[in-house]
Amino acid sequence: MIEVTVRKDEIKISGHANYAVSGLDIVCAGVTALAQTLIKSIEDLTDDKIEYEISPGRVDIKYGNLSEKSRALVDSFFIGICMIADEFPEYVWIM
């Protein structure tokens, strides 16, 4: 199960979906793509500074006061992660 925590100043993602074998797991791939796109988008499209760590089965993103643009990117991430959780509720849990 992938657990996603979205707070005022951080996003934490941990675990593995175990929807399919490694390399074929579309749930893990979708969550990973959303997280990596959020990080790269904030870095490339805004002047906001974030801290992040990515490792197998874990993504931690920390931020302070975000601009409106970055908040929109975080909101977009949240919409996407909710869509995945709605489609695969036994594999993704939003805390």
PDB file of N, CA and C in Angstrom:
ATOM      1  N   MET A   1       0.848  -1.181   0.000  1.00  0.00           N
ATOM      2  CA  MET A   1       0.000   0.000   0.000  1.00  0.00           C
ATOM      3  C   MET A   1       0.890   1.238   0.000  1.00  0.00           C
ATOM      4  N   ILE A   2       0.532   2.199  -0.810  1.00  0.00           N
ATOM      5  CA  ILE A   2       1.203   3.495  -0.833  1.00  0.00           C
ATOM      6  C   ILE A   2       0.415   4.439   0.061  1.00  0.00           C
ATOM      7  N   GLU A   3       1.109   5.094   0.988  1.00  0.00           N
ATOM      8  CA  GLU A   3       0.485   6.078   1.861  1.00  0.00           C
ATOM      9  C   GLU A   3       0.969   7.459   1.452  1.00  0.00           C
ATOM     10  N   VAL A   4       0.026   8.379   1.273  1.00  0.00           N
ATOM     11  CA  VAL A   4       0.330   9.739   0.850  1.00  0.00           C
ATOM     12  C   VAL A   4      -0.176  10.701   1.926  1.00  0.00           C
ATOM     13  N   THR A   5       0.704  11.547   2.413  1.00  0.00           N
ATOM     14  CA  THR A   5       0.332  12.568   3.387  1.00  0.00           C
ATOM     15  C   THR A   5       0.613  13.929   2.775  1.00  0.00           C
ATOM     16  N   VAL A   6      -0.419  14.751   2.672  1.00  0.00           N
ATOM     17  CA  VAL A   6      -0.271  16.114   2.150  1.00  0.00           C
ATOM     18  C   VAL A   6      -0.583  17.064   3.294  1.00  0.00           C
ATOM     19  N   ARG A   7       0.403  17.851   3.671  1.00  0.00           N
ATOM     20  CA  ARG A   7       0.230  18.825   4.749  1.00  0.00           C
ATOM     21  C   ARG A   7       0.563  20.212   4.227  1.00  0.00           C
ATOM     22  N   LYS A   8       0.389  21.189   5.089  1.00  0.00           N
ATOM     23  CA  LYS A   8       0.618  22.591   4.728  1.00  0.00           C
ATOM     24  C   LYS A   8       2.029  22.829   4.189  1.00  0.00           C
ATOM     25  N   ASP A   9       3.019  22.138   4.750  1.00  0.00           N
ATOM     26  CA  ASP A   9       4.406  22.398   4.388  1.00  0.00           C
ATOM     27  C   ASP A   9       5.173  21.171   3.896  1.00  0.00           C
ATOM     28  N   GLU A  10       4.453  20.073   3.616  1.00  0.00           N
ATOM     29  CA  GLU A  10       5.162  18.882   3.142  1.00  0.00           C
ATOM     30  C   GLU A  10       4.219  17.876   2.492  1.00  0.00           C
ATOM     31  N   ILE A  11       4.832  17.047   1.670  1.00  0.00           N
ATOM     32  CA  ILE A  11       4.156  15.887   1.088  1.00  0.00           C
ATOM     33  C   ILE A  11       5.062  14.700   1.354  1.00  0.00           C
ATOM     34  N   LYS A  12       4.478  13.637   1.883  1.00  0.00           N
ATOM     35  CA  LYS A  12       5.231  12.408   2.126  1.00  0.00           C
ATOM     36  C   LYS A  12       4.513  11.265   1.429  1.00  0.00           C
ATOM     37  N   ILE A  13       5.285  10.478   0.709  1.00  0.00           N
ATOM     38  CA  ILE A  13       4.755   9.311   0.015  1.00  0.00           C
ATOM     39  C   ILE A  13       5.627   8.133   0.415  1.00  0.00           C
ATOM     40  N   SER A  14       5.000   7.050   0.869  1.00  0.00           N
ATOM     41  CA  SER A  14       5.802   5.896   1.260  1.00  0.00           C
ATOM     42  C   SER A  14       5.079   4.598   0.920  1.00  0.00           C
ATOM     43  N   GLY A  15       5.876   3.586   0.698  1.00  0.00           N
ATOM     44  CA  GLY A  15       5.341   2.261   0.441  1.00  0.00           C
ATOM     45  C   GLY A  15       5.349   1.879  -1.021  1.00  0.00           C
ATOM     46  N   HIS A  16       4.852   0.693  -1.260  1.00  0.00           N
ATOM     47  CA  HIS A  16       4.731   0.149  -2.612  1.00  0.00           C
ATOM     48  C   HIS A  16       3.299  -0.337  -2.793  1.00  0.00           C
ATOM     49  N   ALA A  17       2.762  -0.130  -3.962  1.00  0.00           N
ATOM     50  CA  ALA A  17       1.376  -0.534  -4.215  1.00  0.00           C
ATOM     51  C   ALA A  17       1.227  -2.056  -4.228  1.00  0.00           C
ATOM     52  N   ASN A  18       2.204  -2.749  -4.801  1.00  0.00           N
ATOM     53  CA  ASN A  18       2.113  -4.199  -4.997  1.00  0.00           C
ATOM     54  C   ASN A  18       0.911  -4.571  -5.853  1.00  0.00           C
ATOM     55  N   TYR A  19       0.566  -3.686  -6.780  1.00  0.00           N
ATOM     56  CA  TYR A  19      -0.502  -3.957  -7.738  1.00  0.00           C
ATOM     57  C   TYR A  19      -0.047  -5.011  -8.748  1.00  0.00           C
ATOM     58  N   ALA A  20       1.229  -4.935  -9.101  1.00  0.00           N
ATOM     59  CA  ALA A  20       1.829  -5.882 -10.050  1.00  0.00           C
ATOM     60  C   ALA A  20       3.306  -6.013  -9.692  1.00  0.00           C
ATOM     61  N   VAL A  21       4.000  -6.879 -10.386  1.00  0.00           N
ATOM     62  CA  VAL A  21       5.427  -7.066 -10.116  1.00  0.00           C
ATOM     63  C   VAL A  21       6.192  -5.786 -10.438  1.00  0.00           C
ATOM     64  N   SER A  22       7.317  -5.637  -9.788  1.00  0.00           N
ATOM     65  CA  SER A  22       8.161  -4.456  -9.996  1.00  0.00           C
ATOM     66  C   SER A  22       8.469  -4.287 -11.485  1.00  0.00           C
ATOM     67  N   GLY A  23       8.336  -3.075 -11.952  1.00  0.00           N
ATOM     68  CA  GLY A  23       8.558  -2.780 -13.363  1.00  0.00           C
ATOM     69  C   GLY A  23       7.285  -2.797 -14.193  1.00  0.00           C
ATOM     70  N   LEU A  24       6.237  -3.407 -13.670  1.00  0.00           N
ATOM     71  CA  LEU A  24       4.953  -3.462 -14.371  1.00  0.00           C
ATOM     72  C   LEU A  24       3.824  -2.867 -13.537  1.00  0.00           C
ATOM     73  N   ASP A  25       4.165  -2.270 -12.414  1.00  0.00           N
ATOM     74  CA  ASP A  25       3.159  -1.761 -11.478  1.00  0.00           C
ATOM     75  C   ASP A  25       2.704  -0.369 -11.903  1.00  0.00           C
ATOM     76  N   ILE A  26       1.530  -0.296 -12.540  1.00  0.00           N
ATOM     77  CA  ILE A  26       1.038   0.984 -13.055  1.00  0.00           C
ATOM     78  C   ILE A  26       0.645   1.947 -11.942  1.00  0.00           C
ATOM     79  N   VAL A  27       0.271   1.423 -10.785  1.00  0.00           N
ATOM     80  CA  VAL A  27      -0.094   2.296  -9.668  1.00  0.00           C
ATOM     81  C   VAL A  27       1.155   3.004  -9.144  1.00  0.00           C
ATOM     82  N   CYS A  28       2.208   2.244  -8.886  1.00  0.00           N
ATOM     83  CA  CYS A  28       3.477   2.854  -8.444  1.00  0.00           C
ATOM     84  C   CYS A  28       3.999   3.830  -9.499  1.00  0.00           C
ATOM     85  N   ALA A  29       3.911   3.453 -10.750  1.00  0.00           N
ATOM     86  CA  ALA A  29       4.404   4.321 -11.821  1.00  0.00           C
ATOM     87  C   ALA A  29       3.624   5.631 -11.871  1.00  0.00           C
ATOM     88  N   GLY A  30       2.316   5.571 -11.702  1.00  0.00           N
ATOM     89  CA  GLY A  30       1.502   6.779 -11.721  1.00  0.00           C
ATOM     90  C   GLY A  30       1.825   7.708 -10.571  1.00  0.00           C
ATOM     91  N   VAL A  31       1.947   7.154  -9.369  1.00  0.00           N
ATOM     92  CA  VAL A  31       2.274   7.966  -8.194  1.00  0.00           C
ATOM     93  C   VAL A  31       3.664   8.566  -8.339  1.00  0.00           C
ATOM     94  N   THR A  32       4.615   7.785  -8.793  1.00  0.00           N
ATOM     95  CA  THR A  32       5.977   8.272  -8.992  1.00  0.00           C
ATOM     96  C   THR A  32       6.018   9.391 -10.025  1.00  0.00           C
ATOM     97  N   ALA A  33       5.298   9.219 -11.121  1.00  0.00           N
ATOM     98  CA  ALA A  33       5.279  10.249 -12.167  1.00  0.00           C
ATOM     99  C   ALA A  33       4.696  11.557 -11.638  1.00  0.00           C
ATOM    100  N   LEU A  34       3.625  11.475 -10.855  1.00  0.00           N
ATOM    101  CA  LEU A  34       3.042  12.689 -10.286  1.00  0.00           C
ATOM    102  C   LEU A  34       4.024  13.386  -9.349  1.00  0.00           C
ATOM    103  N   ALA A  35       4.684  12.628  -8.487  1.00  0.00           N
ATOM    104  CA  ALA A  35       5.618  13.221  -7.523  1.00  0.00           C
ATOM    105  C   ALA A  35       6.813  13.861  -8.229  1.00  0.00           C
ATOM    106  N   GLN A  36       7.401  13.149  -9.183  1.00  0.00           N
ATOM    107  CA  GLN A  36       8.561  13.691  -9.886  1.00  0.00           C
ATOM    108  C   GLN A  36       8.186  14.903 -10.735  1.00  0.00           C
ATOM    109  N   THR A  37       7.006  14.889 -11.321  1.00  0.00           N
ATOM    110  CA  THR A  37       6.545  16.037 -12.107  1.00  0.00           C
ATOM    111  C   THR A  37       6.313  17.246 -11.210  1.00  0.00           C
ATOM    112  N   LEU A  38       5.755  17.035 -10.029  1.00  0.00           N
ATOM    113  CA  LEU A  38       5.562  18.142  -9.090  1.00  0.00           C
ATOM    114  C   LEU A  38       6.902  18.769  -8.722  1.00  0.00           C
ATOM    115  N   ILE A  39       7.869  17.956  -8.353  1.00  0.00           N
ATOM    116  CA  ILE A  39       9.183  18.468  -7.964  1.00  0.00           C
ATOM    117  C   ILE A  39       9.807  19.263  -9.111  1.00  0.00           C
ATOM    118  N   LYS A  40       9.864  18.684 -10.277  1.00  0.00           N
ATOM    119  CA  LYS A  40      10.501  19.334 -11.428  1.00  0.00           C
ATOM    120  C   LYS A  40       9.749  20.593 -11.846  1.00  0.00           C
ATOM    121  N   SER A  41       8.425  20.566 -11.765  1.00  0.00           N
ATOM    122  CA  SER A  41       7.618  21.736 -12.137  1.00  0.00           C
ATOM    123  C   SER A  41       7.864  22.903 -11.186  1.00  0.00           C
ATOM    124  N   ILE A  42       7.893  22.633  -9.883  1.00  0.00           N
ATOM    125  CA  ILE A  42       8.168  23.718  -8.935  1.00  0.00           C
ATOM    126  C   ILE A  42       9.567  24.271  -9.171  1.00  0.00           C
ATOM    127  N   GLU A  43      10.536  23.395  -9.404  1.00  0.00           N
ATOM    128  CA  GLU A  43      11.917  23.850  -9.641  1.00  0.00           C
ATOM    129  C   GLU A  43      12.040  24.659 -10.931  1.00  0.00           C
ATOM    130  N   ASP A  44      11.405  24.212 -11.996  1.00  0.00           N
ATOM    131  CA  ASP A  44      11.591  24.842 -13.306  1.00  0.00           C
ATOM    132  C   ASP A  44      10.637  25.998 -13.590  1.00  0.00           C
ATOM    133  N   LEU A  45       9.462  25.997 -12.993  1.00  0.00           N
ATOM    134  CA  LEU A  45       8.447  26.975 -13.356  1.00  0.00           C
ATOM    135  C   LEU A  45       8.243  28.072 -12.318  1.00  0.00           C
ATOM    136  N   THR A  46       8.900  27.942 -11.158  1.00  0.00           N
ATOM    137  CA  THR A  46       8.741  28.948 -10.116  1.00  0.00           C
ATOM    138  C   THR A  46      10.104  29.311  -9.528  1.00  0.00           C
ATOM    139  N   ASP A  47      10.110  30.319  -8.704  1.00  0.00           N
ATOM    140  CA  ASP A  47      11.321  30.702  -7.978  1.00  0.00           C
ATOM    141  C   ASP A  47      11.321  30.130  -6.566  1.00  0.00           C
ATOM    142  N   ASP A  48      10.314  29.345  -6.226  1.00  0.00           N
ATOM    143  CA  ASP A  48      10.205  28.782  -4.884  1.00  0.00           C
ATOM    144  C   ASP A  48      11.287  27.729  -4.653  1.00  0.00           C
ATOM    145  N   LYS A  49      11.699  27.623  -3.412  1.00  0.00           N
ATOM    146  CA  LYS A  49      12.707  26.634  -3.022  1.00  0.00           C
ATOM    147  C   LYS A  49      12.020  25.507  -2.262  1.00  0.00           C
ATOM    148  N   ILE A  50      12.359  24.295  -2.636  1.00  0.00           N
ATOM    149  CA  ILE A  50      11.844  23.123  -1.937  1.00  0.00           C
ATOM    150  C   ILE A  50      13.014  22.213  -1.601  1.00  0.00           C
ATOM    151  N   GLU A  51      12.794  21.351  -0.640  1.00  0.00           N
ATOM    152  CA  GLU A  51      13.743  20.292  -0.316  1.00  0.00           C
ATOM    153  C   GLU A  51      13.036  18.973  -0.588  1.00  0.00           C
ATOM    154  N   TYR A  52      13.772  18.016  -1.132  1.00  0.00           N
ATOM    155  CA  TYR A  52      13.143  16.727  -1.388  1.00  0.00           C
ATOM    156  C   TYR A  52      14.158  15.605  -1.333  1.00  0.00           C
ATOM    157  N   GLU A  53      13.668  14.426  -1.031  1.00  0.00           N
ATOM    158  CA  GLU A  53      14.454  13.200  -1.067  1.00  0.00           C
ATOM    159  C   GLU A  53      13.611  12.141  -1.756  1.00  0.00           C
ATOM    160  N   ILE A  54      14.243  11.440  -2.671  1.00  0.00           N
ATOM    161  CA  ILE A  54      13.571  10.350  -3.381  1.00  0.00           C
ATOM    162  C   ILE A  54      14.416   9.097  -3.196  1.00  0.00           C
ATOM    163  N   SER A  55      13.786   8.039  -2.750  1.00  0.00           N
ATOM    164  CA  SER A  55      14.451   6.746  -2.627  1.00  0.00           C
ATOM    165  C   SER A  55      13.408   5.674  -2.932  1.00  0.00           C
ATOM    166  N   PRO A  56      13.829   4.436  -3.154  1.00  0.00           N
ATOM    167  CA  PRO A  56      12.844   3.396  -3.466  1.00  0.00           C
ATOM    168  C   PRO A  56      11.756   3.325  -2.387  1.00  0.00           C
ATOM    169  N   GLY A  57      10.523   3.483  -2.804  1.00  0.00           N
ATOM    170  CA  GLY A  57       9.401   3.396  -1.891  1.00  0.00           C
ATOM    171  C   GLY A  57       9.170   4.625  -1.035  1.00  0.00           C
ATOM    172  N   ARG A  58       9.829   5.737  -1.359  1.00  0.00           N
ATOM    173  CA  ARG A  58       9.676   6.926  -0.512  1.00  0.00           C
ATOM    174  C   ARG A  58       9.992   8.207  -1.283  1.00  0.00           C
ATOM    175  N   VAL A  59       9.121   9.217  -1.082  1.00  0.00           N
ATOM    176  CA  VAL A  59       9.351  10.573  -1.572  1.00  0.00           C
ATOM    177  C   VAL A  59       8.962  11.527  -0.446  1.00  0.00           C
ATOM    178  N   ASP A  60       9.879  12.414  -0.074  1.00  0.00           N
ATOM    179  CA  ASP A  60       9.597  13.443   0.927  1.00  0.00           C
ATOM    180  C   ASP A  60       9.860  14.792   0.278  1.00  0.00           C
ATOM    181  N   ILE A  61       8.854  15.659   0.296  1.00  0.00           N
ATOM    182  CA  ILE A  61       8.969  17.004  -0.261  1.00  0.00           C
ATOM    183  C   ILE A  61       8.610  17.989   0.839  1.00  0.00           C
ATOM    184  N   LYS A  62       9.518  18.931   1.110  1.00  0.00           N
ATOM    185  CA  LYS A  62       9.273  19.944   2.138  1.00  0.00           C
ATOM    186  C   LYS A  62       9.370  21.321   1.503  1.00  0.00           C
ATOM    187  N   TYR A  63       8.489  22.198   1.945  1.00  0.00           N
ATOM    188  CA  TYR A  63       8.467  23.554   1.398  1.00  0.00           C
ATOM    189  C   TYR A  63       7.940  24.517   2.449  1.00  0.00           C
ATOM    190  N   GLY A  64       8.226  25.793   2.235  1.00  0.00           N
ATOM    191  CA  GLY A  64       7.739  26.838   3.139  1.00  0.00           C
ATOM    192  C   GLY A  64       6.582  27.558   2.498  1.00  0.00           C
ATOM    193  N   ASN A  65       6.644  28.874   2.499  1.00  0.00           N
ATOM    194  CA  ASN A  65       5.603  29.672   1.854  1.00  0.00           C
ATOM    195  C   ASN A  65       5.722  29.517   0.343  1.00  0.00           C
ATOM    196  N   LEU A  66       4.700  28.970  -0.256  1.00  0.00           N
ATOM    197  CA  LEU A  66       4.721  28.772  -1.702  1.00  0.00           C
ATOM    198  C   LEU A  66       3.983  29.899  -2.402  1.00  0.00           C
ATOM    199  N   SER A  67       4.442  30.194  -3.596  1.00  0.00           N
ATOM    200  CA  SER A  67       3.748  31.159  -4.447  1.00  0.00           C
ATOM    201  C   SER A  67       2.420  30.554  -4.895  1.00  0.00           C
ATOM    202  N   GLU A  68       1.585  31.407  -5.480  1.00  0.00           N
ATOM    203  CA  GLU A  68       0.306  30.905  -6.003  1.00  0.00           C
ATOM    204  C   GLU A  68       0.527  29.847  -7.071  1.00  0.00           C
ATOM    205  N   LYS A  69       1.550  30.051  -7.889  1.00  0.00           N
ATOM    206  CA  LYS A  69       1.834  29.083  -8.952  1.00  0.00           C
ATOM    207  C   LYS A  69       2.196  27.718  -8.362  1.00  0.00           C
ATOM    208  N   SER A  70       3.059  27.708  -7.347  1.00  0.00           N
ATOM    209  CA  SER A  70       3.435  26.441  -6.718  1.00  0.00           C
ATOM    210  C   SER A  70       2.264  25.807  -6.002  1.00  0.00           C
ATOM    211  N   ARG A  71       1.427  26.617  -5.355  1.00  0.00           N
ATOM    212  CA  ARG A  71       0.248  26.064  -4.699  1.00  0.00           C
ATOM    213  C   ARG A  71      -0.676  25.413  -5.720  1.00  0.00           C
ATOM    214  N   ALA A  72      -0.779  26.017  -6.899  1.00  0.00           N
ATOM    215  CA  ALA A  72      -1.594  25.415  -7.965  1.00  0.00           C
ATOM    216  C   ALA A  72      -0.987  24.080  -8.407  1.00  0.00           C
ATOM    217  N   LEU A  73       0.337  24.012  -8.469  1.00  0.00           N
ATOM    218  CA  LEU A  73       1.000  22.755  -8.831  1.00  0.00           C
ATOM    219  C   LEU A  73       0.755  21.683  -7.768  1.00  0.00           C
ATOM    220  N   VAL A  74       0.828  22.060  -6.498  1.00  0.00           N
ATOM    221  CA  VAL A  74       0.546  21.111  -5.419  1.00  0.00           C
ATOM    222  C   VAL A  74      -0.916  20.668  -5.486  1.00  0.00           C
ATOM    223  N   ASP A  75      -1.819  21.605  -5.751  1.00  0.00           N
ATOM    224  CA  ASP A  75      -3.232  21.252  -5.899  1.00  0.00           C
ATOM    225  C   ASP A  75      -3.437  20.275  -7.054  1.00  0.00           C
ATOM    226  N   SER A  76      -2.736  20.504  -8.143  1.00  0.00           N
ATOM    227  CA  SER A  76      -2.830  19.612  -9.296  1.00  0.00           C
ATOM    228  C   SER A  76      -2.316  18.213  -8.941  1.00  0.00           C
ATOM    229  N   PHE A  77      -1.197  18.161  -8.216  1.00  0.00           N
ATOM    230  CA  PHE A  77      -0.682  16.876  -7.732  1.00  0.00           C
ATOM    231  C   PHE A  77      -1.759  16.172  -6.897  1.00  0.00           C
ATOM    232  N   PHE A  78      -2.393  16.927  -5.988  1.00  0.00           N
ATOM    233  CA  PHE A  78      -3.400  16.344  -5.102  1.00  0.00           C
ATOM    234  C   PHE A  78      -4.596  15.816  -5.893  1.00  0.00           C
ATOM    235  N   ILE A  79      -5.018  16.541  -6.910  1.00  0.00           N
ATOM    236  CA  ILE A  79      -6.111  16.062  -7.768  1.00  0.00           C
ATOM    237  C   ILE A  79      -5.718  14.743  -8.423  1.00  0.00           C
ATOM    238  N   GLY A  80      -4.516  14.683  -8.965  1.00  0.00           N
ATOM    239  CA  GLY A  80      -4.044  13.456  -9.619  1.00  0.00           C
ATOM    240  C   GLY A  80      -3.935  12.287  -8.666  1.00  0.00           C
ATOM    241  N   ILE A  81      -3.385  12.534  -7.471  1.00  0.00           N
ATOM    242  CA  ILE A  81      -3.213  11.443  -6.512  1.00  0.00           C
ATOM    243  C   ILE A  81      -4.573  10.956  -6.013  1.00  0.00           C
ATOM    244  N   CYS A  82      -5.531  11.868  -5.864  1.00  0.00           N
ATOM    245  CA  CYS A  82      -6.891  11.475  -5.475  1.00  0.00           C
ATOM    246  C   CYS A  82      -7.547  10.621  -6.554  1.00  0.00           C
ATOM    247  N   MET A  83      -7.303  10.949  -7.812  1.00  0.00           N
ATOM    248  CA  MET A  83      -7.861  10.149  -8.905  1.00  0.00           C
ATOM    249  C   MET A  83      -7.309   8.722  -8.869  1.00  0.00           C
ATOM    250  N   ILE A  84      -6.000   8.594  -8.624  1.00  0.00           N
ATOM    251  CA  ILE A  84      -5.404   7.257  -8.531  1.00  0.00           C
ATOM    252  C   ILE A  84      -5.966   6.521  -7.320  1.00  0.00           C
ATOM    253  N   ALA A  85      -6.068   7.206  -6.171  1.00  0.00           N
ATOM    254  CA  ALA A  85      -6.604   6.571  -4.964  1.00  0.00           C
ATOM    255  C   ALA A  85      -8.057   6.152  -5.148  1.00  0.00           C
ATOM    256  N   ASP A  86      -8.834   6.944  -5.880  1.00  0.00           N
ATOM    257  CA  ASP A  86     -10.229   6.582  -6.145  1.00  0.00           C
ATOM    258  C   ASP A  86     -10.327   5.352  -7.039  1.00  0.00           C
ATOM    259  N   GLU A  87      -9.424   5.260  -7.990  1.00  0.00           N
ATOM    260  CA  GLU A  87      -9.435   4.134  -8.932  1.00  0.00           C
ATOM    261  C   GLU A  87      -8.856   2.858  -8.311  1.00  0.00           C
ATOM    262  N   PHE A  88      -7.877   3.033  -7.409  1.00  0.00           N
ATOM    263  CA  PHE A  88      -7.183   1.886  -6.803  1.00  0.00           C
ATOM    264  C   PHE A  88      -7.150   2.037  -5.281  1.00  0.00           C
ATOM    265  N   PRO A  89      -8.319   2.067  -4.616  1.00  0.00           N
ATOM    266  CA  PRO A  89      -8.350   2.366  -3.177  1.00  0.00           C
ATOM    267  C   PRO A  89      -7.633   1.335  -2.297  1.00  0.00           C
ATOM    268  N   GLU A  90      -7.485   0.130  -2.781  1.00  0.00           N
ATOM    269  CA  GLU A  90      -6.789  -0.876  -1.983  1.00  0.00           C
ATOM    270  C   GLU A  90      -5.271  -0.780  -2.115  1.00  0.00           C
ATOM    271  N   TYR A  91      -4.797   0.147  -2.973  1.00  0.00           N
ATOM    272  CA  TYR A  91      -3.358   0.287  -3.214  1.00  0.00           C
ATOM    273  C   TYR A  91      -2.795   1.648  -2.839  1.00  0.00           C
ATOM    274  N   VAL A  92      -3.646   2.663  -2.749  1.00  0.00           N
ATOM    275  CA  VAL A  92      -3.204   4.028  -2.416  1.00  0.00           C
ATOM    276  C   VAL A  92      -4.121   4.586  -1.340  1.00  0.00           C
ATOM    277  N   TRP A  93      -3.518   5.058  -0.264  1.00  0.00           N
ATOM    278  CA  TRP A  93      -4.278   5.617   0.850  1.00  0.00           C
ATOM    279  C   TRP A  93      -3.786   7.030   1.117  1.00  0.00           C
ATOM    280  N   ILE A  94      -4.696   7.982   1.122  1.00  0.00           N
ATOM    281  CA  ILE A  94      -4.358   9.373   1.408  1.00  0.00           C
ATOM    282  C   ILE A  94      -4.684   9.631   2.864  1.00  0.00           C
ATOM    283  N   MET A  95      -3.667  10.071   3.588  1.00  0.00           N
ATOM    284  CA  MET A  95      -3.831  10.295   5.041  1.00  0.00           C
ATOM    285  C   MET A  95      -4.089  11.753   5.321  1.00  0.00           C
TER     286      MET A  95
END
